[in-house]
């Protein structure tokens, strides 16, 4: 298994710890951010392979972070898996329109988290030999993984 870098952006310390443990258990490196500002600065510094992003954040919510990522050449193609405890009817469409790769409802099921991260990391468009500053060979972000992770968590 290849080791990838996952940026976890979550303001709840307990959930941050649980998500980080799970992702490390999957064999990946974890970098962390606790607010919208850190989500951008840490991503620019660390250049993660995938971002796990909470929507409800201090210092700029997840939708603001997604918008900022889309405007930055080094981050615009990084797949983002969004987490939210909000009602999916009100937030999911906005998340999709903002370019997220996948949407997961809190509380997050480990199997769905694993599948969403794996699919984002191993997307057909991912190219390990992509040019510096672009993790995707054809300069486009990955296709949304909605059919994979769209079901409601029981």
N, C-alpha and C. Protein backbone atom coordinates (compact mmCIF):
# COMPACT_ATOMS: atom_id res chain seq x y z
N UNK A 1 0.85 -1.19 0.00
CA UNK A 1 0.00 0.00 0.00
C UNK A 1 0.88 1.24 0.00
N UNK A 2 0.57 2.19 -0.87
CA UNK A 2 1.29 3.44 -0.88
C UNK A 2 0.78 4.32 0.23
N UNK A 3 1.69 5.12 0.76
CA UNK A 3 1.32 6.04 1.82
C UNK A 3 1.04 7.40 1.19
N UNK A 4 -0.13 7.96 1.48
CA UNK A 4 -0.53 9.26 0.96
C UNK A 4 -0.69 10.22 2.11
N UNK A 5 -0.69 11.50 1.79
CA UNK A 5 -0.85 12.54 2.80
C UNK A 5 -2.28 13.05 2.76
N UNK A 6 -2.95 12.99 3.91
CA UNK A 6 -4.33 13.44 4.03
C UNK A 6 -4.37 14.61 5.00
N UNK A 7 -4.92 15.73 4.55
CA UNK A 7 -5.15 16.87 5.42
C UNK A 7 -6.54 16.73 6.02
N UNK A 8 -6.61 16.66 7.34
CA UNK A 8 -7.88 16.58 8.05
C UNK A 8 -8.18 17.97 8.62
N UNK A 9 -9.30 18.55 8.21
CA UNK A 9 -9.70 19.87 8.68
C UNK A 9 -10.98 19.70 9.49
N UNK A 10 -10.84 19.83 10.81
CA UNK A 10 -11.96 19.57 11.72
C UNK A 10 -11.73 20.39 12.99
N UNK A 11 -12.74 21.13 13.44
CA UNK A 11 -12.59 21.96 14.63
C UNK A 11 -12.92 21.24 15.94
N UNK A 12 -13.51 20.09 15.88
CA UNK A 12 -13.82 19.30 17.08
C UNK A 12 -12.60 18.43 17.40
N UNK A 13 -11.90 18.71 18.51
CA UNK A 13 -10.67 17.97 18.81
C UNK A 13 -10.85 16.46 18.92
N UNK A 14 -11.97 16.01 19.48
CA UNK A 14 -12.20 14.57 19.62
C UNK A 14 -12.42 13.91 18.26
N UNK A 15 -13.19 14.54 17.40
CA UNK A 15 -13.41 13.98 16.06
C UNK A 15 -12.13 14.05 15.25
N UNK A 16 -11.36 15.13 15.40
CA UNK A 16 -10.07 15.24 14.71
C UNK A 16 -9.17 14.07 15.10
N UNK A 17 -9.13 13.77 16.38
CA UNK A 17 -8.30 12.67 16.88
C UNK A 17 -8.78 11.34 16.29
N UNK A 18 -10.09 11.09 16.32
CA UNK A 18 -10.65 9.83 15.82
C UNK A 18 -10.39 9.67 14.32
N UNK A 19 -10.62 10.73 13.54
CA UNK A 19 -10.38 10.67 12.10
C UNK A 19 -8.90 10.43 11.80
N UNK A 20 -8.04 11.12 12.54
CA UNK A 20 -6.59 10.97 12.32
C UNK A 20 -6.13 9.56 12.63
N UNK A 21 -6.63 8.99 13.71
CA UNK A 21 -6.28 7.60 14.07
C UNK A 21 -6.72 6.65 12.96
N UNK A 22 -7.94 6.83 12.48
CA UNK A 22 -8.46 5.96 11.42
C UNK A 22 -7.62 6.07 10.14
N UNK A 23 -7.29 7.27 9.75
CA UNK A 23 -6.53 7.47 8.52
C UNK A 23 -5.11 6.92 8.67
N UNK A 24 -4.52 7.09 9.83
CA UNK A 24 -3.18 6.49 10.06
C UNK A 24 -3.27 4.97 10.05
N UNK A 25 -4.34 4.43 10.58
CA UNK A 25 -4.56 2.98 10.58
C UNK A 25 -4.63 2.47 9.14
N UNK A 26 -5.15 3.30 8.24
CA UNK A 26 -5.21 2.93 6.82
C UNK A 26 -3.84 3.02 6.15
N UNK A 27 -2.86 3.55 6.86
CA UNK A 27 -1.49 3.61 6.34
C UNK A 27 -1.08 4.94 5.74
N UNK A 28 -1.83 5.99 6.00
CA UNK A 28 -1.53 7.28 5.41
C UNK A 28 -0.98 8.26 6.44
N UNK A 29 -0.25 9.25 5.95
CA UNK A 29 0.20 10.35 6.80
C UNK A 29 -0.97 11.29 7.00
N UNK A 30 -1.00 11.96 8.15
CA UNK A 30 -2.05 12.91 8.46
C UNK A 30 -1.42 14.24 8.83
N UNK A 31 -1.94 15.30 8.25
CA UNK A 31 -1.66 16.65 8.70
C UNK A 31 -2.99 17.25 9.10
N UNK A 32 -2.96 18.22 10.02
CA UNK A 32 -4.21 18.68 10.61
C UNK A 32 -4.35 20.20 10.53
N UNK A 33 -5.61 20.63 10.47
CA UNK A 33 -5.97 22.04 10.55
C UNK A 33 -7.28 22.13 11.32
N UNK A 34 -7.41 23.19 12.12
CA UNK A 34 -8.58 23.31 12.98
C UNK A 34 -9.57 24.40 12.56
N UNK A 35 -9.22 25.20 11.54
CA UNK A 35 -10.12 26.25 11.10
C UNK A 35 -9.90 26.53 9.62
N UNK A 36 -10.71 27.44 9.07
CA UNK A 36 -10.64 27.74 7.65
C UNK A 36 -9.30 28.32 7.23
N UNK A 37 -8.76 29.21 8.03
CA UNK A 37 -7.47 29.82 7.71
C UNK A 37 -6.37 28.75 7.65
N UNK A 38 -6.30 27.91 8.67
CA UNK A 38 -5.31 26.83 8.69
C UNK A 38 -5.52 25.84 7.54
N UNK A 39 -6.77 25.63 7.15
CA UNK A 39 -7.06 24.70 6.05
C UNK A 39 -6.35 25.14 4.78
N UNK A 40 -6.24 26.43 4.58
CA UNK A 40 -5.58 26.96 3.40
C UNK A 40 -4.07 26.98 3.58
N UNK A 41 -3.60 27.51 4.71
CA UNK A 41 -2.15 27.63 4.90
C UNK A 41 -1.47 26.28 5.01
N UNK A 42 -2.07 25.34 5.71
CA UNK A 42 -1.47 24.01 5.85
C UNK A 42 -1.49 23.28 4.50
N UNK A 43 -2.59 23.42 3.75
CA UNK A 43 -2.66 22.76 2.43
C UNK A 43 -1.60 23.32 1.49
N UNK A 44 -1.38 24.62 1.51
CA UNK A 44 -0.35 25.21 0.65
C UNK A 44 1.05 24.72 1.03
N UNK A 45 1.28 24.58 2.31
CA UNK A 45 2.60 24.14 2.79
C UNK A 45 2.81 22.64 2.57
N UNK A 46 1.82 21.84 2.88
CA UNK A 46 1.96 20.38 2.90
C UNK A 46 1.61 19.69 1.58
N UNK A 47 0.82 20.35 0.72
CA UNK A 47 0.37 19.77 -0.55
C UNK A 47 -0.15 18.34 -0.38
N UNK A 48 -1.26 18.18 0.35
CA UNK A 48 -1.82 16.84 0.58
C UNK A 48 -2.35 16.20 -0.70
N UNK A 49 -2.43 14.87 -0.68
CA UNK A 49 -3.03 14.14 -1.80
C UNK A 49 -4.54 14.23 -1.78
N UNK A 50 -5.11 14.40 -0.60
CA UNK A 50 -6.57 14.53 -0.45
C UNK A 50 -6.84 15.32 0.83
N UNK A 51 -7.97 16.04 0.85
CA UNK A 51 -8.37 16.82 2.02
C UNK A 51 -9.70 16.28 2.51
N UNK A 52 -9.79 16.08 3.83
CA UNK A 52 -11.03 15.71 4.50
C UNK A 52 -11.47 16.97 5.23
N UNK A 53 -12.56 17.61 4.77
CA UNK A 53 -12.91 18.96 5.18
C UNK A 53 -14.28 19.04 5.83
N UNK A 54 -14.31 19.54 7.06
CA UNK A 54 -15.57 19.82 7.74
C UNK A 54 -16.16 21.10 7.15
N UNK A 55 -17.47 21.20 7.11
CA UNK A 55 -18.12 22.40 6.60
C UNK A 55 -18.21 23.49 7.66
N UNK A 56 -18.59 23.14 8.87
CA UNK A 56 -18.77 24.13 9.93
C UNK A 56 -17.47 24.42 10.65
N UNK A 57 -16.75 25.44 10.19
CA UNK A 57 -15.44 25.78 10.76
C UNK A 57 -15.40 27.24 11.18
N UNK A 58 -14.65 27.55 12.23
CA UNK A 58 -14.36 28.95 12.52
C UNK A 58 -13.31 29.46 11.52
N UNK A 59 -13.23 30.74 11.34
CA UNK A 59 -12.20 31.32 10.48
C UNK A 59 -12.42 31.06 9.00
N UNK A 60 -13.64 30.88 8.58
CA UNK A 60 -13.95 30.59 7.18
C UNK A 60 -14.52 29.19 7.07
N UNK A 61 -15.78 29.07 6.71
CA UNK A 61 -16.41 27.75 6.66
C UNK A 61 -15.86 26.92 5.49
N UNK A 62 -16.27 25.67 5.44
CA UNK A 62 -15.77 24.75 4.43
C UNK A 62 -16.06 25.18 3.00
N UNK A 63 -17.19 25.82 2.77
CA UNK A 63 -17.51 26.30 1.42
C UNK A 63 -16.54 27.41 1.00
N UNK A 64 -16.17 28.25 1.93
CA UNK A 64 -15.18 29.30 1.65
C UNK A 64 -13.83 28.67 1.35
N UNK A 65 -13.47 27.65 2.10
CA UNK A 65 -12.21 26.94 1.87
C UNK A 65 -12.21 26.30 0.48
N UNK A 66 -13.30 25.63 0.11
CA UNK A 66 -13.41 25.02 -1.21
C UNK A 66 -13.24 26.07 -2.32
N UNK A 67 -13.86 27.22 -2.14
CA UNK A 67 -13.75 28.29 -3.11
C UNK A 67 -12.30 28.78 -3.23
N UNK A 68 -11.64 28.89 -2.10
CA UNK A 68 -10.24 29.34 -2.11
C UNK A 68 -9.35 28.29 -2.76
N UNK A 69 -9.55 27.03 -2.46
CA UNK A 69 -8.77 25.96 -3.10
C UNK A 69 -8.92 26.04 -4.62
N UNK A 70 -10.14 26.27 -5.08
CA UNK A 70 -10.40 26.32 -6.53
C UNK A 70 -9.66 27.46 -7.21
N UNK A 71 -9.30 28.49 -6.45
CA UNK A 71 -8.62 29.63 -7.04
C UNK A 71 -7.09 29.53 -6.97
N UNK A 72 -6.59 28.51 -6.31
CA UNK A 72 -5.14 28.35 -6.14
C UNK A 72 -4.62 27.22 -7.01
N UNK A 73 -3.70 27.51 -7.93
CA UNK A 73 -3.21 26.48 -8.86
C UNK A 73 -2.67 25.22 -8.17
N UNK A 74 -2.01 25.36 -7.04
CA UNK A 74 -1.44 24.18 -6.38
C UNK A 74 -2.48 23.34 -5.65
N UNK A 75 -3.68 23.88 -5.45
CA UNK A 75 -4.72 23.15 -4.71
C UNK A 75 -5.97 22.85 -5.54
N UNK A 76 -6.12 23.50 -6.67
CA UNK A 76 -7.37 23.39 -7.42
C UNK A 76 -7.72 21.97 -7.85
N UNK A 77 -6.74 21.11 -7.96
CA UNK A 77 -7.00 19.74 -8.41
C UNK A 77 -6.95 18.72 -7.28
N UNK A 78 -6.74 19.18 -6.06
CA UNK A 78 -6.68 18.27 -4.92
C UNK A 78 -8.09 17.80 -4.58
N UNK A 79 -8.32 16.49 -4.53
CA UNK A 79 -9.67 16.01 -4.18
C UNK A 79 -10.02 16.35 -2.73
N UNK A 80 -11.27 16.75 -2.53
CA UNK A 80 -11.75 17.14 -1.20
C UNK A 80 -12.98 16.31 -0.87
N UNK A 81 -12.92 15.61 0.25
CA UNK A 81 -14.05 14.86 0.79
C UNK A 81 -14.62 15.71 1.92
N UNK A 82 -15.88 16.10 1.79
CA UNK A 82 -16.51 17.00 2.75
C UNK A 82 -17.29 16.21 3.79
N UNK A 83 -17.18 16.66 5.04
CA UNK A 83 -17.93 16.10 6.16
C UNK A 83 -18.88 17.17 6.67
N UNK A 84 -20.10 16.77 7.02
CA UNK A 84 -21.01 17.74 7.61
C UNK A 84 -22.06 17.05 8.46
N UNK A 85 -22.38 17.69 9.55
CA UNK A 85 -23.47 17.25 10.39
C UNK A 85 -24.76 17.98 10.05
N UNK A 86 -24.66 18.94 9.13
CA UNK A 86 -25.83 19.71 8.72
C UNK A 86 -26.77 18.86 7.87
N UNK A 87 -28.00 19.33 7.78
CA UNK A 87 -29.00 18.64 6.97
C UNK A 87 -28.52 18.59 5.52
N UNK A 88 -28.36 17.39 4.94
CA UNK A 88 -27.83 17.30 3.58
C UNK A 88 -28.71 17.97 2.54
N UNK A 89 -30.00 18.12 2.81
CA UNK A 89 -30.89 18.78 1.86
C UNK A 89 -30.46 20.23 1.66
N UNK A 90 -29.98 20.88 2.73
CA UNK A 90 -29.62 22.29 2.63
C UNK A 90 -28.16 22.51 2.23
N UNK A 91 -27.29 21.56 2.44
CA UNK A 91 -25.86 21.80 2.21
C UNK A 91 -25.26 21.00 1.05
N UNK A 92 -25.80 19.84 0.76
CA UNK A 92 -25.17 18.95 -0.21
C UNK A 92 -25.06 19.56 -1.61
N UNK A 93 -26.07 20.26 -2.07
CA UNK A 93 -26.02 20.87 -3.41
C UNK A 93 -24.91 21.92 -3.47
N UNK A 94 -24.80 22.73 -2.43
CA UNK A 94 -23.75 23.75 -2.39
C UNK A 94 -22.37 23.11 -2.37
N UNK A 95 -22.23 22.01 -1.66
CA UNK A 95 -20.95 21.29 -1.60
C UNK A 95 -20.59 20.76 -2.98
N UNK A 96 -21.54 20.16 -3.66
CA UNK A 96 -21.30 19.63 -5.00
C UNK A 96 -20.90 20.74 -5.97
N UNK A 97 -21.64 21.85 -5.92
CA UNK A 97 -21.35 22.97 -6.81
C UNK A 97 -19.99 23.59 -6.53
N UNK A 98 -19.51 23.45 -5.32
CA UNK A 98 -18.21 24.02 -4.94
C UNK A 98 -17.03 23.15 -5.36
N UNK A 99 -17.33 21.99 -5.93
CA UNK A 99 -16.26 21.16 -6.46
C UNK A 99 -15.75 20.04 -5.58
N UNK A 100 -16.44 19.75 -4.49
CA UNK A 100 -16.01 18.64 -3.63
C UNK A 100 -16.10 17.32 -4.38
N UNK A 101 -15.23 16.41 -4.03
CA UNK A 101 -15.19 15.09 -4.65
C UNK A 101 -16.25 14.17 -4.08
N UNK A 102 -16.51 14.31 -2.77
CA UNK A 102 -17.48 13.45 -2.10
C UNK A 102 -18.06 14.17 -0.89
N UNK A 103 -19.21 13.71 -0.44
CA UNK A 103 -19.91 14.28 0.72
C UNK A 103 -20.26 13.16 1.67
N UNK A 104 -19.86 13.30 2.93
CA UNK A 104 -20.20 12.32 3.95
C UNK A 104 -20.90 13.02 5.10
N UNK A 105 -21.95 12.37 5.62
CA UNK A 105 -22.67 12.91 6.78
C UNK A 105 -22.03 12.44 8.06
N UNK A 106 -22.01 13.34 9.04
CA UNK A 106 -21.59 12.97 10.39
C UNK A 106 -22.80 12.39 11.10
N UNK A 107 -22.65 11.41 11.95
CA UNK A 107 -21.38 10.73 12.27
C UNK A 107 -20.93 9.87 11.09
N UNK A 108 -19.65 9.87 10.86
CA UNK A 108 -19.07 9.20 9.69
C UNK A 108 -18.90 7.71 9.96
N UNK A 109 -19.40 6.91 9.02
CA UNK A 109 -19.20 5.47 9.06
C UNK A 109 -17.78 5.17 8.56
N UNK A 110 -17.02 4.36 9.31
CA UNK A 110 -15.64 4.07 8.92
C UNK A 110 -15.53 3.46 7.53
N UNK A 111 -16.42 2.57 7.18
CA UNK A 111 -16.38 1.95 5.85
C UNK A 111 -16.58 2.97 4.74
N UNK A 112 -17.52 3.89 4.94
CA UNK A 112 -17.76 4.93 3.94
C UNK A 112 -16.60 5.90 3.87
N UNK A 113 -16.02 6.22 5.01
CA UNK A 113 -14.84 7.09 5.02
C UNK A 113 -13.69 6.43 4.26
N UNK A 114 -13.44 5.16 4.58
CA UNK A 114 -12.36 4.43 3.90
C UNK A 114 -12.57 4.41 2.39
N UNK A 115 -13.81 4.12 1.97
CA UNK A 115 -14.11 4.04 0.54
C UNK A 115 -13.95 5.39 -0.15
N UNK A 116 -14.42 6.45 0.51
CA UNK A 116 -14.33 7.79 -0.09
C UNK A 116 -12.88 8.22 -0.23
N UNK A 117 -12.07 7.98 0.80
CA UNK A 117 -10.65 8.35 0.72
C UNK A 117 -9.93 7.52 -0.34
N UNK A 118 -10.20 6.23 -0.34
CA UNK A 118 -9.55 5.36 -1.31
C UNK A 118 -9.91 5.76 -2.75
N UNK A 119 -11.17 6.03 -2.98
CA UNK A 119 -11.60 6.42 -4.32
C UNK A 119 -11.00 7.77 -4.72
N UNK A 120 -10.93 8.70 -3.78
CA UNK A 120 -10.34 10.01 -4.09
C UNK A 120 -8.85 9.87 -4.40
N UNK A 121 -8.15 9.10 -3.61
CA UNK A 121 -6.71 8.91 -3.80
C UNK A 121 -6.41 8.17 -5.09
N UNK A 122 -7.21 7.16 -5.39
CA UNK A 122 -6.93 6.30 -6.54
C UNK A 122 -7.82 6.59 -7.74
N UNK A 123 -8.32 7.81 -7.82
CA UNK A 123 -9.15 8.19 -8.95
C UNK A 123 -8.41 7.89 -10.25
N UNK A 124 -9.15 7.54 -11.28
CA UNK A 124 -8.55 7.23 -12.57
C UNK A 124 -7.73 8.38 -13.10
N UNK A 125 -8.07 9.60 -12.72
CA UNK A 125 -7.35 10.76 -13.21
C UNK A 125 -6.09 11.05 -12.41
N UNK A 126 -5.91 10.40 -11.28
CA UNK A 126 -4.72 10.66 -10.47
C UNK A 126 -3.50 10.17 -11.22
N UNK A 127 -2.50 10.99 -11.24
CA UNK A 127 -1.27 10.63 -11.96
C UNK A 127 -0.08 10.91 -11.07
N UNK A 128 0.58 9.86 -10.63
CA UNK A 128 1.74 10.05 -9.76
C UNK A 128 2.84 10.83 -10.45
N UNK A 129 2.84 10.86 -11.77
CA UNK A 129 3.84 11.60 -12.49
C UNK A 129 3.36 12.96 -12.96
N UNK A 130 2.30 13.47 -12.38
CA UNK A 130 1.78 14.77 -12.79
C UNK A 130 2.78 15.86 -12.51
N UNK A 131 2.68 16.94 -13.24
CA UNK A 131 3.61 18.05 -13.08
C UNK A 131 3.52 18.64 -11.69
N UNK A 132 4.60 19.27 -11.26
CA UNK A 132 4.66 19.91 -9.95
C UNK A 132 3.52 20.92 -9.83
N UNK A 133 2.84 20.94 -8.70
CA UNK A 133 1.76 21.87 -8.49
C UNK A 133 0.43 21.39 -9.06
N UNK A 134 0.41 20.24 -9.71
CA UNK A 134 -0.84 19.69 -10.23
C UNK A 134 -0.81 18.19 -10.02
N UNK A 135 -1.71 17.67 -9.22
CA UNK A 135 -1.70 16.25 -8.90
C UNK A 135 -2.47 15.43 -9.93
N UNK A 136 -2.99 16.05 -10.96
CA UNK A 136 -3.80 15.37 -11.96
C UNK A 136 -3.18 15.60 -13.33
N UNK A 137 -2.97 14.56 -14.07
CA UNK A 137 -2.26 14.62 -15.34
C UNK A 137 -2.92 15.54 -16.35
N UNK A 138 -4.23 15.57 -16.41
CA UNK A 138 -4.89 16.35 -17.44
C UNK A 138 -5.36 17.73 -16.95
N UNK A 139 -4.82 18.16 -15.78
CA UNK A 139 -5.10 19.49 -15.24
C UNK A 139 -6.55 19.71 -14.84
N UNK A 140 -7.32 18.63 -14.66
CA UNK A 140 -8.70 18.75 -14.24
C UNK A 140 -8.87 18.05 -12.91
N UNK A 141 -9.80 18.52 -12.09
CA UNK A 141 -10.03 17.84 -10.82
C UNK A 141 -10.70 16.49 -11.05
N UNK A 142 -10.68 15.64 -10.04
CA UNK A 142 -11.29 14.32 -10.20
C UNK A 142 -12.79 14.41 -10.35
N UNK A 143 -13.35 13.41 -11.00
CA UNK A 143 -14.79 13.33 -11.15
C UNK A 143 -15.42 13.10 -9.78
N UNK A 144 -16.58 13.69 -9.51
CA UNK A 144 -17.23 13.46 -8.22
C UNK A 144 -17.51 11.98 -8.00
N UNK A 145 -17.43 11.59 -6.75
CA UNK A 145 -17.62 10.19 -6.37
C UNK A 145 -18.99 9.98 -5.74
N UNK A 146 -19.96 10.81 -6.10
CA UNK A 146 -21.26 10.78 -5.44
C UNK A 146 -21.91 9.41 -5.39
N UNK A 147 -21.93 8.64 -6.46
CA UNK A 147 -22.62 7.34 -6.36
C UNK A 147 -21.99 6.45 -5.29
N UNK A 148 -20.71 6.63 -5.04
CA UNK A 148 -20.00 5.79 -4.08
C UNK A 148 -20.39 6.12 -2.64
N UNK A 149 -20.55 7.38 -2.30
CA UNK A 149 -20.70 7.76 -0.91
C UNK A 149 -21.98 8.54 -0.61
N UNK A 150 -22.94 8.50 -1.50
CA UNK A 150 -24.12 9.32 -1.37
C UNK A 150 -25.19 8.77 -0.44
N UNK A 151 -25.10 7.52 -0.06
CA UNK A 151 -26.18 6.96 0.75
C UNK A 151 -26.16 7.51 2.17
N UNK A 152 -27.30 7.60 2.75
CA UNK A 152 -27.44 8.13 4.10
C UNK A 152 -26.89 7.13 5.10
N UNK A 153 -26.19 7.64 6.09
CA UNK A 153 -25.62 6.79 7.14
C UNK A 153 -26.73 6.39 8.10
N UNK A 154 -26.82 5.13 8.37
CA UNK A 154 -27.86 4.63 9.27
C UNK A 154 -27.46 4.77 10.70
